[in-house]
Amino acid sequence: MSKTLEAPKPQEPQRARAVFSQEDFELIRMAITHYMKEVKDTPQSVKYSNLYHRLGRVT
């Protein structure tokens, strides 16, 4: 009885694991909301506002 060797199947790239959970995004958004109040009259406030909105699209 002979054993047949199967050709190795090409491996597909594994899907990347999520770094943050949905709950993490909510916590980050809350922290950014708080910080935006601290920097509301600075040029950085626009960057934090944009980040807040981008995080909203994730959840």
Protein backbone atom coordinates (compact mmCIF):
# COMPACT_ATOMS: atom_id res chain seq x y z
CA MET A 1 0.00 0.00 0.00
CA SER A 2 1.45 3.34 -0.98
CA LYS A 3 0.69 6.67 0.55
CA THR A 4 -0.04 9.48 -1.85
CA LEU A 5 1.54 12.80 -1.15
CA GLU A 6 -0.71 15.76 -1.59
CA ALA A 7 0.70 18.98 -2.93
CA PRO A 8 0.73 21.67 -0.25
CA LYS A 9 -2.22 24.03 -0.57
CA PRO A 10 -1.27 27.67 -1.07
CA GLN A 11 -1.94 29.55 2.12
CA GLU A 12 -4.12 32.60 1.95
CA PRO A 13 -3.10 35.53 4.11
CA GLN A 14 -4.72 35.41 7.51
CA ARG A 15 -7.17 38.15 8.35
CA ALA A 16 -5.67 40.67 10.73
CA ARG A 17 -7.00 40.47 14.25
CA ALA A 18 -8.76 43.53 15.60
CA VAL A 19 -6.66 45.61 17.94
CA PHE A 20 -9.56 47.43 19.58
CA SER A 21 -12.99 46.16 20.56
CA GLN A 22 -16.19 48.13 19.96
CA GLU A 23 -16.18 49.04 23.65
CA ASP A 24 -12.64 50.42 23.29
CA PHE A 25 -13.77 52.74 20.49
CA GLU A 26 -16.54 54.09 22.69
CA LEU A 27 -14.07 54.73 25.52
CA ILE A 28 -11.66 56.47 23.15
CA ARG A 29 -14.46 58.64 21.78
CA MET A 30 -15.45 59.63 25.33
CA ALA A 31 -11.85 60.54 26.13
CA ILE A 32 -11.56 62.59 22.95
CA THR A 33 -14.83 64.37 23.74
CA HIS A 34 -13.44 65.36 27.11
CA TYR A 35 -10.11 66.47 25.64
CA MET A 36 -11.79 68.49 22.89
CA LYS A 37 -13.28 70.69 25.63
CA GLU A 38 -9.76 71.33 26.93
CA VAL A 39 -8.34 72.35 23.54
CA LYS A 40 -11.47 73.96 22.04
CA ASP A 41 -9.79 77.27 21.13
CA THR A 42 -6.58 75.86 19.71
CA PRO A 43 -5.62 74.77 16.18
CA GLN A 44 -5.41 71.18 17.47
CA SER A 45 -9.15 71.13 18.17
CA VAL A 46 -9.88 70.57 14.47
CA LYS A 47 -7.64 67.49 14.40
CA TYR A 48 -9.36 66.01 17.45
CA SER A 49 -12.78 66.79 16.01
CA ASN A 50 -11.86 64.96 12.80
CA LEU A 51 -10.54 62.00 14.79
CA TYR A 52 -13.76 61.89 16.80
CA HIS A 53 -15.82 61.72 13.61
CA ARG A 54 -13.60 59.07 12.02
CA LEU A 55 -13.99 56.91 15.12
CA GLY A 56 -17.75 57.33 14.79
CA ARG A 57 -17.63 55.68 11.39
CA VAL A 58 -15.89 52.65 12.87
CA THR A 59 -18.55 51.87 15.45
